[in-house]
Amino acid sequence: MTKKELAVKSVQLLKKEYPDAICSLNYSDPFQLLIATRLSAQCTDARVNMVTPALFKEYPTAEKMANAELGRVEELIKTCGLYKTKAKDLIAIGKGITENFGGKVPGTIEELTTLSGVGRKTANLIVGDVFGKPAVVTDTHLIRIAGRIGLTKQKEPFKVEKELKAILPPEESNDFCHRTVLHGRAVCTARKAYCEKCVLKEICKKVNVK
């Protein structure tokens, strides 16, 4: 089986197991998703979803965030961890969008990564979920599972992204990433792979991972 064939098979198996491939962050527009994703660094999505309603009530737009008071943003997001750095980034993101992109979240990875605290992982999520473009969100679950399946031997996120973009069906790549997160949380965890109930066990190269 070639890597492209393996990728297609992986997509099919995960789609059957997890038909609803959606982001677990709550948001109502592109700006909110971008902010929520920045907050999710080293923090659970569940915690972010608890914090963002109050944050978005006060700062619903990039322009409002750009003019926010740093201490107030810190107060609102404190339980997300790394809140001082994140608060500075949120305000800077608001300013960047307002000053450079007319108040609207840009739609390319190159533009998004000019914003403070926004790396390729976040940028891929935005272009995939918001703009419907092929995207590979290289979070730890994806890197781990793609390695165990045999789709890549790389560990560095950008190299994984590049390799998977070359073999995944473009129209399925973004949903595949969401499904690997679900699978990584439920079955193929970092501490232990529950191989006996894994939908990917027939193609996994490390089916006996303990």
N, C-alpha and C. Protein backbone atom coordinates (compact mmCIF):
# COMPACT_ATOMS: atom_id res chain seq x y z
N MET A 1 0.84 -1.20 0.00
CA MET A 1 0.00 0.00 0.00
C MET A 1 0.88 1.25 0.00
N THR A 2 0.68 2.13 -0.96
CA THR A 2 1.44 3.38 -1.00
C THR A 2 0.97 4.31 0.12
N LYS A 3 1.74 5.37 0.36
CA LYS A 3 1.36 6.31 1.40
C LYS A 3 0.05 7.01 1.07
N LYS A 4 -0.16 7.30 -0.21
CA LYS A 4 -1.42 7.94 -0.59
C LYS A 4 -2.59 7.00 -0.38
N GLU A 5 -2.40 5.75 -0.68
CA GLU A 5 -3.46 4.76 -0.45
C GLU A 5 -3.71 4.59 1.05
N LEU A 6 -2.64 4.59 1.82
CA LEU A 6 -2.75 4.49 3.26
C LEU A 6 -3.49 5.70 3.83
N ALA A 7 -3.19 6.87 3.28
CA ALA A 7 -3.85 8.10 3.73
C ALA A 7 -5.35 8.04 3.44
N VAL A 8 -5.70 7.60 2.25
CA VAL A 8 -7.12 7.48 1.88
C VAL A 8 -7.83 6.50 2.79
N LYS A 9 -7.20 5.37 3.07
CA LYS A 9 -7.78 4.37 3.96
C LYS A 9 -7.97 4.93 5.36
N SER A 10 -7.00 5.68 5.84
CA SER A 10 -7.09 6.31 7.16
C SER A 10 -8.26 7.28 7.22
N VAL A 11 -8.40 8.06 6.18
CA VAL A 11 -9.51 9.01 6.09
C VAL A 11 -10.84 8.29 6.17
N GLN A 12 -10.97 7.19 5.41
CA GLN A 12 -12.22 6.43 5.37
C GLN A 12 -12.56 5.83 6.73
N LEU A 13 -11.57 5.26 7.38
CA LEU A 13 -11.81 4.60 8.67
C LEU A 13 -12.20 5.61 9.75
N LEU A 14 -11.51 6.73 9.78
CA LEU A 14 -11.82 7.73 10.79
C LEU A 14 -13.16 8.42 10.52
N LYS A 15 -13.49 8.60 9.25
CA LYS A 15 -14.77 9.23 8.91
C LYS A 15 -15.93 8.36 9.36
N LYS A 16 -15.78 7.06 9.20
CA LYS A 16 -16.83 6.13 9.63
C LYS A 16 -16.99 6.14 11.15
N GLU A 17 -15.86 6.23 11.86
CA GLU A 17 -15.88 6.20 13.32
C GLU A 17 -16.34 7.53 13.93
N TYR A 18 -15.94 8.63 13.28
CA TYR A 18 -16.27 9.96 13.78
C TYR A 18 -16.91 10.78 12.66
N PRO A 19 -18.18 10.54 12.37
CA PRO A 19 -18.82 11.22 11.24
C PRO A 19 -18.90 12.74 11.39
N ASP A 20 -18.97 13.20 12.63
CA ASP A 20 -19.05 14.64 12.87
C ASP A 20 -17.67 15.20 13.20
N ALA A 21 -17.02 15.73 12.19
CA ALA A 21 -15.67 16.28 12.37
C ALA A 21 -15.77 17.78 12.57
N ILE A 22 -15.88 18.20 13.81
CA ILE A 22 -16.02 19.62 14.09
C ILE A 22 -15.00 20.05 15.14
N CYS A 23 -14.67 21.32 15.09
CA CYS A 23 -13.77 21.90 16.08
C CYS A 23 -14.49 21.94 17.43
N SER A 24 -13.79 21.62 18.50
CA SER A 24 -14.42 21.59 19.82
C SER A 24 -14.43 22.95 20.51
N LEU A 25 -13.88 23.97 19.86
CA LEU A 25 -13.94 25.32 20.40
C LEU A 25 -15.25 25.99 19.97
N ASN A 26 -15.86 26.73 20.88
CA ASN A 26 -17.10 27.42 20.57
C ASN A 26 -16.80 28.80 19.99
N TYR A 27 -17.45 29.14 18.88
CA TYR A 27 -17.24 30.45 18.26
C TYR A 27 -18.40 30.75 17.32
N SER A 28 -18.57 32.01 17.00
CA SER A 28 -19.66 32.39 16.09
C SER A 28 -19.17 33.14 14.86
N ASP A 29 -17.87 33.46 14.81
CA ASP A 29 -17.33 34.12 13.63
C ASP A 29 -15.81 33.87 13.57
N PRO A 30 -15.17 34.20 12.46
CA PRO A 30 -13.73 33.92 12.29
C PRO A 30 -12.86 34.55 13.37
N PHE A 31 -13.19 35.77 13.78
CA PHE A 31 -12.38 36.43 14.81
C PHE A 31 -12.44 35.66 16.12
N GLN A 32 -13.61 35.20 16.49
CA GLN A 32 -13.74 34.45 17.73
C GLN A 32 -12.97 33.13 17.68
N LEU A 33 -13.00 32.45 16.54
CA LEU A 33 -12.24 31.21 16.42
C LEU A 33 -10.74 31.47 16.54
N LEU A 34 -10.28 32.54 15.93
CA LEU A 34 -8.86 32.88 16.00
C LEU A 34 -8.43 33.15 17.44
N ILE A 35 -9.22 33.92 18.15
CA ILE A 35 -8.91 34.24 19.54
C ILE A 35 -8.97 32.99 20.41
N ALA A 36 -10.01 32.19 20.23
CA ALA A 36 -10.16 30.97 21.02
C ALA A 36 -9.00 30.01 20.77
N THR A 37 -8.56 29.93 19.55
CA THR A 37 -7.45 29.03 19.22
C THR A 37 -6.15 29.50 19.87
N ARG A 38 -5.93 30.81 19.88
CA ARG A 38 -4.74 31.32 20.57
C ARG A 38 -4.80 31.01 22.07
N LEU A 39 -5.97 31.10 22.65
CA LEU A 39 -6.12 30.80 24.07
C LEU A 39 -5.92 29.32 24.38
N SER A 40 -6.14 28.47 23.40
CA SER A 40 -6.11 27.02 23.64
C SER A 40 -4.70 26.45 23.78
N ALA A 41 -3.69 27.25 23.51
CA ALA A 41 -2.31 26.78 23.66
C ALA A 41 -2.06 26.37 25.10
N GLN A 42 -1.64 25.12 25.30
CA GLN A 42 -1.37 24.57 26.64
C GLN A 42 -2.57 24.76 27.58
N CYS A 43 -3.74 24.62 27.02
CA CYS A 43 -4.98 24.76 27.79
C CYS A 43 -6.04 23.90 27.11
N THR A 44 -6.95 23.34 27.88
CA THR A 44 -7.98 22.50 27.27
C THR A 44 -9.03 23.34 26.56
N ASP A 45 -9.62 22.77 25.52
CA ASP A 45 -10.69 23.47 24.81
C ASP A 45 -11.87 23.72 25.74
N ALA A 46 -12.12 22.80 26.66
CA ALA A 46 -13.23 22.97 27.60
C ALA A 46 -13.03 24.22 28.46
N ARG A 47 -11.81 24.44 28.93
CA ARG A 47 -11.51 25.62 29.72
C ARG A 47 -11.67 26.89 28.88
N VAL A 48 -11.17 26.85 27.65
CA VAL A 48 -11.30 28.01 26.76
C VAL A 48 -12.78 28.35 26.56
N ASN A 49 -13.61 27.34 26.36
CA ASN A 49 -15.04 27.56 26.15
C ASN A 49 -15.73 28.15 27.37
N MET A 50 -15.13 27.97 28.54
CA MET A 50 -15.68 28.57 29.75
C MET A 50 -15.30 30.05 29.86
N VAL A 51 -14.16 30.39 29.29
CA VAL A 51 -13.62 31.74 29.40
C VAL A 51 -14.14 32.70 28.31
N THR A 52 -14.29 32.19 27.10
CA THR A 52 -14.56 33.08 25.96
C THR A 52 -15.91 33.81 25.98
N PRO A 53 -16.98 33.27 26.54
CA PRO A 53 -18.24 34.04 26.51
C PRO A 53 -18.10 35.44 27.11
N ALA A 54 -17.47 35.55 28.28
CA ALA A 54 -17.30 36.86 28.91
C ALA A 54 -16.32 37.72 28.12
N LEU A 55 -15.28 37.08 27.58
CA LEU A 55 -14.29 37.82 26.78
C LEU A 55 -14.93 38.40 25.53
N PHE A 56 -15.71 37.60 24.82
CA PHE A 56 -16.33 38.07 23.58
C PHE A 56 -17.47 39.05 23.82
N LYS A 57 -18.06 38.99 24.99
CA LYS A 57 -19.11 39.95 25.33
C LYS A 57 -18.52 41.35 25.42
N GLU A 58 -17.33 41.46 25.99
CA GLU A 58 -16.67 42.75 26.11
C GLU A 58 -15.91 43.16 24.85
N TYR A 59 -15.34 42.16 24.17
CA TYR A 59 -14.52 42.45 22.99
C TYR A 59 -14.97 41.58 21.81
N PRO A 60 -16.11 41.92 21.21
CA PRO A 60 -16.68 41.09 20.15
C PRO A 60 -16.03 41.23 18.77
N THR A 61 -15.22 42.26 18.59
CA THR A 61 -14.60 42.51 17.29
C THR A 61 -13.11 42.77 17.44
N ALA A 62 -12.41 42.72 16.32
CA ALA A 62 -10.98 43.01 16.33
C ALA A 62 -10.71 44.43 16.79
N GLU A 63 -11.53 45.36 16.37
CA GLU A 63 -11.35 46.76 16.76
C GLU A 63 -11.51 46.94 18.27
N LYS A 64 -12.52 46.28 18.85
CA LYS A 64 -12.72 46.36 20.29
C LYS A 64 -11.53 45.75 21.03
N MET A 65 -11.04 44.62 20.54
CA MET A 65 -9.89 43.97 21.17
C MET A 65 -8.64 44.83 21.05
N ALA A 66 -8.48 45.49 19.92
CA ALA A 66 -7.31 46.34 19.70
C ALA A 66 -7.22 47.46 20.72
N ASN A 67 -8.37 47.90 21.20
CA ASN A 67 -8.41 49.01 22.15
C ASN A 67 -8.65 48.55 23.59
N ALA A 68 -8.49 47.25 23.83
CA ALA A 68 -8.72 46.70 25.16
C ALA A 68 -7.64 47.13 26.14
N GLU A 69 -8.00 47.15 27.41
CA GLU A 69 -7.05 47.42 28.49
C GLU A 69 -6.39 46.10 28.88
N LEU A 70 -5.08 46.07 28.87
CA LEU A 70 -4.34 44.83 29.08
C LEU A 70 -4.74 44.13 30.37
N GLY A 71 -4.82 44.85 31.45
CA GLY A 71 -5.16 44.25 32.72
C GLY A 71 -6.52 43.57 32.71
N ARG A 72 -7.47 44.18 32.01
CA ARG A 72 -8.81 43.59 31.94
C ARG A 72 -8.81 42.29 31.14
N VAL A 73 -8.07 42.26 30.05
CA VAL A 73 -7.98 41.04 29.26
C VAL A 73 -7.31 39.95 30.09
N GLU A 74 -6.25 40.31 30.79
CA GLU A 74 -5.58 39.34 31.67
C GLU A 74 -6.54 38.76 32.69
N GLU A 75 -7.36 39.61 33.26
CA GLU A 75 -8.33 39.17 34.27
C GLU A 75 -9.33 38.18 33.68
N LEU A 76 -9.78 38.46 32.47
CA LEU A 76 -10.80 37.62 31.84
C LEU A 76 -10.26 36.25 31.42
N ILE A 77 -8.98 36.17 31.08
CA ILE A 77 -8.44 34.91 30.54
C ILE A 77 -7.47 34.23 31.51
N LYS A 78 -7.40 34.69 32.74
CA LYS A 78 -6.39 34.23 33.69
C LYS A 78 -6.37 32.72 33.86
N THR A 79 -7.52 32.08 33.85
CA THR A 79 -7.57 30.64 34.11
C THR A 79 -7.10 29.79 32.92
N CYS A 80 -6.80 30.43 31.80
CA CYS A 80 -6.32 29.69 30.63
C CYS A 80 -4.83 29.39 30.68
N GLY A 81 -4.12 29.98 31.63
CA GLY A 81 -2.69 29.75 31.70
C GLY A 81 -1.93 30.62 30.72
N LEU A 82 -0.70 30.95 31.07
CA LEU A 82 0.14 31.83 30.25
C LEU A 82 -0.62 33.10 29.88
N TYR A 83 -1.45 33.56 30.81
CA TYR A 83 -2.41 34.61 30.48
C TYR A 83 -1.76 35.95 30.16
N LYS A 84 -0.61 36.23 30.74
CA LYS A 84 0.04 37.52 30.45
C LYS A 84 0.49 37.60 28.99
N THR A 85 1.13 36.54 28.53
CA THR A 85 1.56 36.50 27.14
C THR A 85 0.37 36.46 26.20
N LYS A 86 -0.62 35.65 26.53
CA LYS A 86 -1.80 35.53 25.68
C LYS A 86 -2.57 36.84 25.60
N ALA A 87 -2.69 37.55 26.72
CA ALA A 87 -3.41 38.82 26.71
C ALA A 87 -2.74 39.83 25.77
N LYS A 88 -1.42 39.89 25.83
CA LYS A 88 -0.69 40.79 24.92
C LYS A 88 -0.92 40.39 23.47
N ASP A 89 -0.90 39.08 23.21
CA ASP A 89 -1.13 38.61 21.84
C ASP A 89 -2.54 38.93 21.35
N LEU A 90 -3.54 38.76 22.22
CA LEU A 90 -4.92 39.02 21.80
C LEU A 90 -5.10 40.48 21.38
N ILE A 91 -4.54 41.38 22.16
CA ILE A 91 -4.64 42.80 21.82
C ILE A 91 -3.88 43.08 20.53
N ALA A 92 -2.69 42.49 20.39
CA ALA A 92 -1.88 42.68 19.19
C ALA A 92 -2.58 42.09 17.96
N ILE A 93 -3.25 40.96 18.13
CA ILE A 93 -4.02 40.36 17.03
C ILE A 93 -5.13 41.33 16.60
N GLY A 94 -5.83 41.88 17.57
CA GLY A 94 -6.87 42.86 17.26
C GLY A 94 -6.32 44.04 16.48
N LYS A 95 -5.18 44.55 16.91
CA LYS A 95 -4.56 45.68 16.22
C LYS A 95 -4.10 45.28 14.81
N GLY A 96 -3.51 44.10 14.70
CA GLY A 96 -3.03 43.66 13.39
C GLY A 96 -4.16 43.50 12.37
N ILE A 97 -5.26 42.91 12.81
CA ILE A 97 -6.41 42.72 11.92
C ILE A 97 -7.02 44.07 11.55
N THR A 98 -7.13 44.95 12.54
CA THR A 98 -7.73 46.27 12.31
C THR A 98 -6.88 47.13 11.39
N GLU A 99 -5.60 47.15 11.64
CA GLU A 99 -4.71 48.05 10.90
C GLU A 99 -4.28 47.51 9.54
N ASN A 100 -4.16 46.18 9.43
CA ASN A 100 -3.58 45.62 8.20
C ASN A 100 -4.57 44.87 7.31
N PHE A 101 -5.73 44.49 7.88
CA PHE A 101 -6.66 43.68 7.10
C PHE A 101 -8.09 44.20 7.14
N GLY A 102 -8.23 45.48 7.38
CA GLY A 102 -9.54 46.10 7.31
C GLY A 102 -10.54 45.58 8.33
N GLY A 103 -10.05 45.04 9.42
CA GLY A 103 -10.94 44.55 10.46
C GLY A 103 -11.44 43.14 10.26
N LYS A 104 -11.02 42.49 9.18
CA LYS A 104 -11.47 41.13 8.88
C LYS A 104 -10.32 40.14 8.98
N VAL A 105 -10.60 38.97 9.51
CA VAL A 105 -9.58 37.93 9.62
C VAL A 105 -9.13 37.53 8.22
N PRO A 106 -7.82 37.57 7.94
CA PRO A 106 -7.34 37.21 6.60
C PRO A 106 -7.48 35.72 6.32
N GLY A 107 -7.44 35.37 5.03
CA GLY A 107 -7.73 34.00 4.64
C GLY A 107 -6.59 33.17 4.13
N THR A 108 -5.35 33.59 4.36
CA THR A 108 -4.21 32.78 3.93
C THR A 108 -3.28 32.53 5.11
N ILE A 109 -2.55 31.44 5.04
CA ILE A 109 -1.59 31.11 6.08
C ILE A 109 -0.52 32.19 6.19
N GLU A 110 -0.08 32.69 5.05
CA GLU A 110 0.97 33.70 5.04
C GLU A 110 0.52 34.97 5.76
N GLU A 111 -0.72 35.40 5.52
CA GLU A 111 -1.24 36.60 6.18
C GLU A 111 -1.50 36.35 7.67
N LEU A 112 -2.09 35.23 7.98
CA LEU A 112 -2.42 34.93 9.37
C LEU A 112 -1.19 34.85 10.26
N THR A 113 -0.11 34.31 9.73
CA THR A 113 1.09 34.15 10.55
C THR A 113 1.85 35.46 10.75
N THR A 114 1.37 36.55 10.18
CA THR A 114 1.95 37.86 10.50
C THR A 114 1.37 38.40 11.80
N LEU A 115 0.29 37.78 12.28
CA LEU A 115 -0.36 38.23 13.51
C LEU A 115 0.36 37.67 14.74
N SER A 116 0.39 38.45 15.80
CA SER A 116 1.11 38.07 17.02
C SER A 116 0.60 36.76 17.61
N GLY A 117 1.52 35.82 17.84
CA GLY A 117 1.17 34.57 18.48
C GLY A 117 0.48 33.56 17.59
N VAL A 118 0.35 33.86 16.32
CA VAL A 118 -0.34 32.96 15.39
C VAL A 118 0.69 32.19 14.56
N GLY A 119 0.79 30.89 14.81
CA GLY A 119 1.70 30.04 14.05
C GLY A 119 0.95 29.28 12.97
N ARG A 120 1.63 28.38 12.33
CA ARG A 120 1.04 27.65 11.21
C ARG A 120 -0.10 26.73 11.66
N LYS A 121 0.02 26.18 12.85
CA LYS A 121 -1.04 25.31 13.36
C LYS A 121 -2.36 26.07 13.45
N THR A 122 -2.32 27.24 14.08
CA THR A 122 -3.52 28.07 14.20
C THR A 122 -3.99 28.55 12.83
N ALA A 123 -3.04 28.97 12.01
CA ALA A 123 -3.39 29.48 10.68
C ALA A 123 -4.07 28.40 9.83
N ASN A 124 -3.59 27.19 9.91
CA ASN A 124 -4.21 26.09 9.16
C ASN A 124 -5.64 25.84 9.64
N LEU A 125 -5.85 25.93 10.94
CA LEU A 125 -7.19 25.73 11.47
C LEU A 125 -8.15 26.78 10.91
N ILE A 126 -7.71 28.02 10.87
CA ILE A 126 -8.56 29.10 10.37
C ILE A 126 -8.86 28.93 8.88
N VAL A 127 -7.84 28.68 8.07
CA VAL A 127 -8.10 28.57 6.63
C VAL A 127 -8.93 27.34 6.31
N GLY A 128 -8.83 26.31 7.14
CA GLY A 128 -9.62 25.11 6.91
C GLY A 128 -11.05 25.25 7.38
N ASP A 129 -11.24 25.66 8.64
CA ASP A 129 -12.58 25.73 9.22
C ASP A 129 -13.38 26.93 8.74
N VAL A 130 -12.72 28.05 8.54
CA VAL A 130 -13.43 29.27 8.15
C VAL A 130 -13.54 29.43 6.64
N PHE A 131 -12.44 29.17 5.95
CA PHE A 131 -12.40 29.46 4.52
C PHE A 131 -12.52 28.22 3.64
N GLY A 132 -12.60 27.05 4.27
CA GLY A 132 -12.83 25.82 3.51
C GLY A 132 -11.70 25.40 2.59
N LYS A 133 -10.49 25.81 2.92
CA LYS A 133 -9.34 25.45 2.09
C LYS A 133 -8.65 24.21 2.67
N PRO A 134 -7.93 23.46 1.83
CA PRO A 134 -7.17 22.32 2.35
C PRO A 134 -6.22 22.77 3.45
N ALA A 135 -6.21 22.04 4.56
CA ALA A 135 -5.39 22.45 5.69
C ALA A 135 -4.98 21.24 6.49
N VAL A 136 -3.81 21.34 7.11
CA VAL A 136 -3.32 20.28 7.99
C VAL A 136 -2.91 20.92 9.31
N VAL A 137 -3.71 20.67 10.35
CA VAL A 137 -3.46 21.23 11.67
C VAL A 137 -2.60 20.24 12.46
N THR A 138 -1.33 20.55 12.59
CA THR A 138 -0.38 19.58 13.16
C THR A 138 -0.31 19.70 14.67
N ASP A 139 -1.37 19.26 15.33
CA ASP A 139 -1.31 19.21 16.79
C ASP A 139 -0.65 17.89 17.21
N THR A 140 -0.48 17.71 18.51
CA THR A 140 0.25 16.54 18.98
C THR A 140 -0.46 15.22 18.66
N HIS A 141 -1.79 15.24 18.66
CA HIS A 141 -2.54 14.03 18.33
C HIS A 141 -2.28 13.60 16.88
N LEU A 142 -2.34 14.57 15.98
CA LEU A 142 -2.11 14.26 14.56
C LEU A 142 -0.71 13.70 14.34
N ILE A 143 0.28 14.35 14.92
CA ILE A 143 1.67 13.92 14.74
C ILE A 143 1.86 12.50 15.26
N ARG A 144 1.31 12.24 16.43
CA ARG A 144 1.44 10.90 17.03
C ARG A 144 0.73 9.83 16.19
N ILE A 145 -0.50 10.07 15.83
CA ILE A 145 -1.28 9.06 15.11
C ILE A 145 -0.76 8.86 13.69
N ALA A 146 -0.41 9.95 13.02
CA ALA A 146 0.14 9.82 11.66
C ALA A 146 1.43 9.01 11.68
N GLY A 147 2.21 9.17 12.74
CA GLY A 147 3.44 8.40 12.87
C GLY A 147 3.17 6.93 13.11
N ARG A 148 2.20 6.64 13.97
CA ARG A 148 1.89 5.25 14.28
C ARG A 148 1.28 4.53 13.08
N ILE A 149 0.51 5.24 12.30
CA ILE A 149 -0.08 4.63 11.10
C ILE A 149 1.00 4.38 10.05
N GLY A 150 1.99 5.27 10.01
CA GLY A 150 3.03 5.15 9.01
C GLY A 150 2.91 6.17 7.90
N LEU A 151 2.11 7.23 8.14
CA LEU A 151 1.97 8.28 7.13
C LEU A 151 3.19 9.18 7.08
N THR A 152 3.90 9.26 8.19
CA THR A 152 5.10 10.10 8.24
C THR A 152 6.02 9.61 9.35
N LYS A 153 7.30 9.89 9.19
CA LYS A 153 8.28 9.61 10.24
C LYS A 153 8.74 10.91 10.88
N GLN A 154 8.21 12.01 10.38
CA GLN A 154 8.62 13.31 10.88
C GLN A 154 7.98 13.61 12.23
N LYS A 155 8.63 14.46 13.01
CA LYS A 155 8.11 14.90 14.29
C LYS A 155 7.92 16.41 14.34
N GLU A 156 8.68 17.12 13.50
CA GLU A 156 8.60 18.57 13.48
C GLU A 156 7.32 18.99 12.75
N PRO A 157 6.48 19.85 13.38
CA PRO A 157 5.16 20.16 12.83
C PRO A 157 5.14 20.60 11.36
N PHE A 158 6.04 21.49 10.96
CA PHE A 158 5.99 21.97 9.58
C PHE A 158 6.32 20.85 8.60
N LYS A 159 7.24 19.97 8.96
CA LYS A 159 7.58 18.85 8.08
C LYS A 159 6.42 17.87 7.99
N VAL A 160 5.73 17.65 9.11
CA VAL A 160 4.54 16.78 9.10
C VAL A 160 3.47 17.40 8.23
N GLU A 161 3.23 18.68 8.40
CA GLU A 161 2.23 19.39 7.59
C GLU A 161 2.52 19.24 6.09
N LYS A 162 3.76 19.48 5.73
CA LYS A 162 4.16 19.41 4.32
C LYS A 162 3.98 18.01 3.75
N GLU A 163 4.38 17.00 4.53
CA GLU A 163 4.29 15.63 4.05
C GLU A 163 2.84 15.17 3.93
N LEU A 164 2.02 15.51 4.92
CA LEU A 164 0.62 15.07 4.87
C LEU A 164 -0.17 15.80 3.79
N LYS A 165 0.15 17.05 3.54
CA LYS A 165 -0.54 17.78 2.47
C LYS A 165 -0.30 17.12 1.11
N ALA A 166 0.83 16.45 0.99
CA ALA A 166 1.17 15.81 -0.28
C ALA A 166 0.44 14.49 -0.50
N ILE A 167 -0.09 13.89 0.58
CA ILE A 167 -0.69 12.56 0.43
C ILE A 167 -2.17 12.49 0.82
N LEU A 168 -2.65 13.42 1.62
CA LEU A 168 -4.06 13.40 1.99
C LEU A 168 -4.92 13.97 0.88
N PRO A 169 -6.12 13.44 0.67
CA PRO A 169 -7.05 14.06 -0.28
C PRO A 169 -7.32 15.49 0.18
N PRO A 170 -7.09 16.50 -0.65
CA PRO A 170 -7.22 17.90 -0.21
C PRO A 170 -8.56 18.22 0.43
N GLU A 171 -9.63 17.67 -0.14
CA GLU A 171 -10.96 17.98 0.37
C GLU A 171 -11.25 17.32 1.71
N GLU A 172 -10.38 16.39 2.14
CA GLU A 172 -10.58 15.66 3.39
C GLU A 172 -9.58 16.03 4.48
N SER A 173 -8.56 16.79 4.11
CA SER A 173 -7.43 16.99 5.02
C SER A 173 -7.83 17.67 6.33
N ASN A 174 -8.66 18.70 6.25
CA ASN A 174 -9.02 19.42 7.46
C ASN A 174 -9.86 18.56 8.40
N ASP A 175 -10.86 17.88 7.87
CA ASP A 175 -11.69 17.00 8.69
C ASP A 175 -10.88 15.83 9.26
N PHE A 176 -9.92 15.34 8.49
CA PHE A 176 -9.05 14.27 8.97
C PHE A 176 -8.32 14.72 10.24
N CYS A 177 -7.86 15.95 10.25
CA CYS A 177 -7.15 16.47 11.42
C CYS A 177 -8.07 16.53 12.63
N HIS A 178 -9.29 17.00 12.44
CA HIS A 178 -10.23 17.05 13.56
C HIS A 178 -10.51 15.65 14.08
N ARG A 179 -10.62 14.69 13.18
CA ARG A 179 -10.93 13.32 13.61
C ARG A 179 -9.76 12.68 14.34
N THR A 180 -8.54 13.02 13.97
CA THR A 180 -7.39 12.46 14.70
C THR A 180 -7.35 13.01 16.13
N VAL A 181 -7.79 14.24 16.32
CA VAL A 181 -7.86 14.80 17.67
C VAL A 181 -8.86 14.00 18.50
N LEU A 182 -10.03 13.75 17.95
CA LEU A 182 -11.04 12.96 18.65
C LEU A 182 -10.51 11.57 18.98
N HIS A 183 -9.85 10.97 18.00
CA HIS A 183 -9.31 9.61 18.18
C HIS A 183 -8.16 9.61 19.19
N GLY A 184 -7.34 10.64 19.14
CA GLY A 184 -6.21 10.74 20.05
C GLY A 184 -6.64 10.94 21.49
N ARG A 185 -7.74 11.61 21.68
CA ARG A 185 -8.25 11.82 23.04
C ARG A 185 -8.94 10.57 23.58
N ALA A 186 -9.61 9.85 22.70
CA ALA A 186 -10.45 8.74 23.15
C ALA A 186 -9.76 7.38 23.15
N VAL A 187 -8.89 7.15 22.16
CA VAL A 187 -8.34 5.80 21.96
C VAL A 187 -6.82 5.77 21.87
N CYS A 188 -6.27 6.49 20.94
CA CYS A 188 -4.82 6.45 20.69
C CYS A 188 -4.14 7.57 21.47
N THR A 189 -4.13 7.43 22.79
CA THR A 189 -3.62 8.50 23.64
C THR A 189 -2.09 8.48 23.70
N ALA A 190 -1.55 9.54 24.24
CA ALA A 190 -0.08 9.63 24.34
C ALA A 190 0.47 8.61 25.32
N ARG A 191 -0.26 8.37 26.41
CA ARG A 191 0.22 7.46 27.44
C ARG A 191 0.03 6.00 27.07
N LYS A 192 -1.08 5.71 26.38
CA LYS A 192 -1.35 4.33 26.00
C LYS A 192 -2.27 4.28 24.80
N ALA A 193 -1.97 3.38 23.88
CA ALA A 193 -2.85 3.17 22.73
C ALA A 193 -3.73 1.96 23.01
N TYR A 194 -5.04 2.17 23.00
CA TYR A 194 -5.98 1.08 23.27
C TYR A 194 -6.27 0.36 21.95
N CYS A 195 -5.29 -0.43 21.55
CA CYS A 195 -5.30 -1.02 20.21
C CYS A 195 -6.50 -1.93 19.95
N GLU A 196 -6.98 -2.60 21.01
CA GLU A 196 -8.06 -3.57 20.82
C GLU A 196 -9.35 -2.90 20.33
N LYS A 197 -9.53 -1.61 20.61
CA LYS A 197 -10.74 -0.92 20.16
C LYS A 197 -10.44 0.20 19.17
N CYS A 198 -9.27 0.13 18.55
CA CYS A 198 -8.85 1.17 17.60
C CYS A 198 -9.34 0.87 16.20
N VAL A 199 -10.01 1.82 15.59
CA VAL A 199 -10.53 1.65 14.24
C VAL A 199 -9.41 1.58 13.21
N LEU A 200 -8.21 2.02 13.60
CA LEU A 200 -7.07 2.04 12.68
C LEU A 200 -6.15 0.83 12.85
N LYS A 201 -6.51 -0.11 13.70
CA LYS A 201 -5.58 -1.19 14.03
C LYS A 201 -5.20 -2.04 12.82
N GLU A 202 -6.07 -2.14 11.82
CA GLU A 202 -5.76 -2.96 10.65
C GLU A 202 -4.65 -2.37 9.80
N ILE A 203 -4.40 -1.06 9.94
CA ILE A 203 -3.35 -0.43 9.13
C ILE A 203 -2.23 0.15 9.97
N CYS A 204 -2.37 0.10 11.29
CA CYS A 204 -1.37 0.71 12.17
C CYS A 204 -0.07 -0.07 12.15
N LYS A 205 1.04 0.66 12.08
CA LYS A 205 2.36 0.03 12.07
C LYS A 205 2.83 -0.32 13.47
N LYS A 206 2.15 0.24 14.47
CA LYS A 206 2.56 0.00 15.86
C LYS A 206 1.35 -0.46 16.66
N VAL A 207 0.69 -1.48 16.18
CA VAL A 207 -0.56 -1.93 16.78
C VAL A 207 -0.39 -2.43 18.20
N ASN A 208 0.84 -2.73 18.60
CA ASN A 208 1.07 -3.24 19.94
C ASN A 208 1.71 -2.20 20.87
N VAL A 209 1.50 -0.93 20.53
CA VAL A 209 2.01 0.14 21.39
C VAL A 209 1.38 0.01 22.77
N LYS A 210 2.18 0.13 23.81
CA LYS A 210 1.67 0.03 25.18
C LYS A 210 1.77 1.38 25.88
